[in-house]
Amino acid sequence: MLKNINPQLQVYFECLPIHIKNHILELKRPINSLNELLSCVELIEKQEKRWDDPQHGR
């Protein structure tokens, strides 16, 4: 059982790519709604795009 994910969201959580799931679990913050889950996914994806940006670090 996922400690920080609302059990009602588990079906949505399980559909996510493994690297997204791992990031969410590392956050160790409670996710109680679908909006919270989607917000976490969006932030992680934005962060990944920023790191993939060739101009990052300039």
N, C-alpha and C. Protein backbone atom coordinates (compact mmCIF):
# COMPACT_ATOMS: atom_id res chain seq x y z
N MET A 1 0.83 -1.19 0.00
CA MET A 1 0.00 0.00 0.00
C MET A 1 0.87 1.25 0.00
N LEU A 2 0.45 2.23 -0.74
CA LEU A 2 1.18 3.48 -0.84
C LEU A 2 0.77 4.39 0.30
N LYS A 3 1.73 4.78 1.11
CA LYS A 3 1.42 5.54 2.31
C LYS A 3 0.98 6.97 2.01
N ASN A 4 1.56 7.59 1.00
CA ASN A 4 1.24 9.00 0.76
C ASN A 4 0.19 9.23 -0.33
N ILE A 5 -0.32 8.17 -0.92
CA ILE A 5 -1.31 8.29 -1.98
C ILE A 5 -2.66 7.79 -1.46
N ASN A 6 -3.68 8.60 -1.66
CA ASN A 6 -5.04 8.19 -1.31
C ASN A 6 -5.34 6.88 -2.03
N PRO A 7 -5.82 5.86 -1.31
CA PRO A 7 -6.10 4.56 -1.94
C PRO A 7 -7.06 4.65 -3.14
N GLN A 8 -7.93 5.63 -3.14
CA GLN A 8 -8.85 5.80 -4.26
C GLN A 8 -8.14 6.26 -5.53
N LEU A 9 -6.92 6.76 -5.39
CA LEU A 9 -6.15 7.25 -6.54
C LEU A 9 -5.17 6.20 -7.07
N GLN A 10 -5.10 5.08 -6.42
CA GLN A 10 -4.09 4.08 -6.79
C GLN A 10 -4.20 3.65 -8.25
N VAL A 11 -5.39 3.51 -8.77
CA VAL A 11 -5.56 3.08 -10.16
C VAL A 11 -4.95 4.12 -11.12
N TYR A 12 -5.08 5.39 -10.78
CA TYR A 12 -4.48 6.45 -11.61
C TYR A 12 -2.97 6.46 -11.45
N PHE A 13 -2.53 6.29 -10.22
CA PHE A 13 -1.10 6.28 -9.94
C PHE A 13 -0.40 5.15 -10.69
N GLU A 14 -1.02 3.98 -10.72
CA GLU A 14 -0.41 2.82 -11.36
C GLU A 14 -0.30 2.98 -12.87
N CYS A 15 -1.05 3.88 -13.45
CA CYS A 15 -0.99 4.12 -14.90
C CYS A 15 0.17 5.03 -15.30
N LEU A 16 0.81 5.64 -14.33
CA LEU A 16 1.91 6.58 -14.62
C LEU A 16 3.19 5.83 -14.94
N PRO A 17 4.07 6.46 -15.72
CA PRO A 17 5.38 5.85 -15.97
C PRO A 17 6.15 5.68 -14.66
N ILE A 18 6.97 4.68 -14.61
CA ILE A 18 7.69 4.33 -13.38
C ILE A 18 8.53 5.49 -12.85
N HIS A 19 9.18 6.25 -13.72
CA HIS A 19 10.03 7.34 -13.23
C HIS A 19 9.19 8.45 -12.59
N ILE A 20 7.98 8.66 -13.08
CA ILE A 20 7.07 9.65 -12.47
C ILE A 20 6.61 9.13 -11.10
N LYS A 21 6.24 7.86 -11.05
CA LYS A 21 5.83 7.27 -9.77
C LYS A 21 6.94 7.38 -8.73
N ASN A 22 8.15 7.08 -9.14
CA ASN A 22 9.28 7.15 -8.21
C ASN A 22 9.47 8.57 -7.68
N HIS A 23 9.36 9.57 -8.56
CA HIS A 23 9.48 10.96 -8.13
C HIS A 23 8.40 11.31 -7.10
N ILE A 24 7.19 10.90 -7.37
CA ILE A 24 6.08 11.20 -6.47
C ILE A 24 6.30 10.54 -5.11
N LEU A 25 6.74 9.31 -5.11
CA LEU A 25 6.99 8.61 -3.85
C LEU A 25 8.15 9.24 -3.07
N GLU A 26 9.13 9.76 -3.77
CA GLU A 26 10.26 10.42 -3.12
C GLU A 26 9.83 11.71 -2.44
N LEU A 27 8.77 12.35 -2.94
CA LEU A 27 8.30 13.60 -2.35
C LEU A 27 7.79 13.39 -0.93
N LYS A 28 7.27 12.22 -0.65
CA LYS A 28 6.75 11.87 0.67
C LYS A 28 5.72 12.88 1.16
N ARG A 29 4.99 13.49 0.24
CA ARG A 29 3.91 14.39 0.65
C ARG A 29 2.59 13.72 0.34
N PRO A 30 1.60 13.94 1.18
CA PRO A 30 0.30 13.29 0.95
C PRO A 30 -0.37 13.80 -0.31
N ILE A 31 -0.93 12.90 -1.07
CA ILE A 31 -1.69 13.23 -2.27
C ILE A 31 -3.08 12.65 -2.06
N ASN A 32 -4.03 13.56 -1.88
CA ASN A 32 -5.37 13.15 -1.50
C ASN A 32 -6.41 13.31 -2.59
N SER A 33 -6.06 13.99 -3.67
CA SER A 33 -7.04 14.21 -4.73
C SER A 33 -6.39 14.00 -6.09
N LEU A 34 -7.23 13.81 -7.08
CA LEU A 34 -6.73 13.65 -8.44
C LEU A 34 -6.04 14.93 -8.90
N ASN A 35 -6.56 16.08 -8.50
CA ASN A 35 -5.91 17.34 -8.86
C ASN A 35 -4.50 17.42 -8.29
N GLU A 36 -4.32 16.99 -7.06
CA GLU A 36 -2.98 16.99 -6.47
C GLU A 36 -2.05 16.05 -7.22
N LEU A 37 -2.55 14.90 -7.59
CA LEU A 37 -1.74 13.94 -8.33
C LEU A 37 -1.34 14.52 -9.70
N LEU A 38 -2.30 15.09 -10.39
CA LEU A 38 -2.02 15.68 -11.71
C LEU A 38 -1.06 16.86 -11.60
N SER A 39 -1.19 17.64 -10.55
CA SER A 39 -0.27 18.77 -10.35
C SER A 39 1.16 18.28 -10.14
N CYS A 40 1.31 17.22 -9.36
CA CYS A 40 2.64 16.64 -9.15
C CYS A 40 3.24 16.14 -10.47
N VAL A 41 2.43 15.45 -11.24
CA VAL A 41 2.90 14.94 -12.53
C VAL A 41 3.32 16.10 -13.43
N GLU A 42 2.52 17.15 -13.47
CA GLU A 42 2.84 18.31 -14.31
C GLU A 42 4.14 18.96 -13.88
N LEU A 43 4.33 19.13 -12.58
CA LEU A 43 5.57 19.74 -12.09
C LEU A 43 6.79 18.89 -12.42
N ILE A 44 6.66 17.59 -12.26
CA ILE A 44 7.77 16.69 -12.58
C ILE A 44 8.10 16.76 -14.06
N GLU A 45 7.08 16.76 -14.91
CA GLU A 45 7.32 16.84 -16.35
C GLU A 45 7.97 18.17 -16.74
N LYS A 46 7.55 19.27 -16.12
CA LYS A 46 8.17 20.57 -16.40
C LYS A 46 9.64 20.56 -15.98
N GLN A 47 9.90 19.98 -14.82
CA GLN A 47 11.28 19.90 -14.34
C GLN A 47 12.14 19.07 -15.30
N GLU A 48 11.61 17.96 -15.78
CA GLU A 48 12.36 17.11 -16.70
C GLU A 48 12.64 17.86 -18.01
N LYS A 49 11.67 18.59 -18.51
CA LYS A 49 11.87 19.36 -19.74
C LYS A 49 12.95 20.41 -19.54
N ARG A 50 12.94 21.05 -18.36
CA ARG A 50 13.94 22.07 -18.08
C ARG A 50 15.33 21.47 -18.09
N TRP A 51 15.49 20.26 -17.52
CA TRP A 51 16.80 19.62 -17.48
C TRP A 51 17.23 19.13 -18.86
N ASP A 52 16.24 18.82 -19.72
CA ASP A 52 16.56 18.38 -21.08
C ASP A 52 16.84 19.54 -22.02
N ASP A 53 16.53 20.75 -21.58
CA ASP A 53 16.74 21.94 -22.41
C ASP A 53 18.24 22.16 -22.62
N PRO A 54 18.69 22.23 -23.89
CA PRO A 54 20.12 22.41 -24.15
C PRO A 54 20.68 23.74 -23.62
N GLN A 55 19.81 24.71 -23.38
CA GLN A 55 20.27 26.00 -22.88
C GLN A 55 20.32 26.03 -21.36
N HIS A 56 19.88 24.96 -20.70
CA HIS A 56 19.92 24.90 -19.24
C HIS A 56 21.37 24.98 -18.78
N GLY A 57 21.61 25.81 -17.79
CA GLY A 57 22.95 25.93 -17.26
C GLY A 57 23.76 27.03 -17.88
N ARG A 58 23.18 27.71 -18.83
CA ARG A 58 23.91 28.84 -19.44
C ARG A 58 23.72 30.09 -18.65
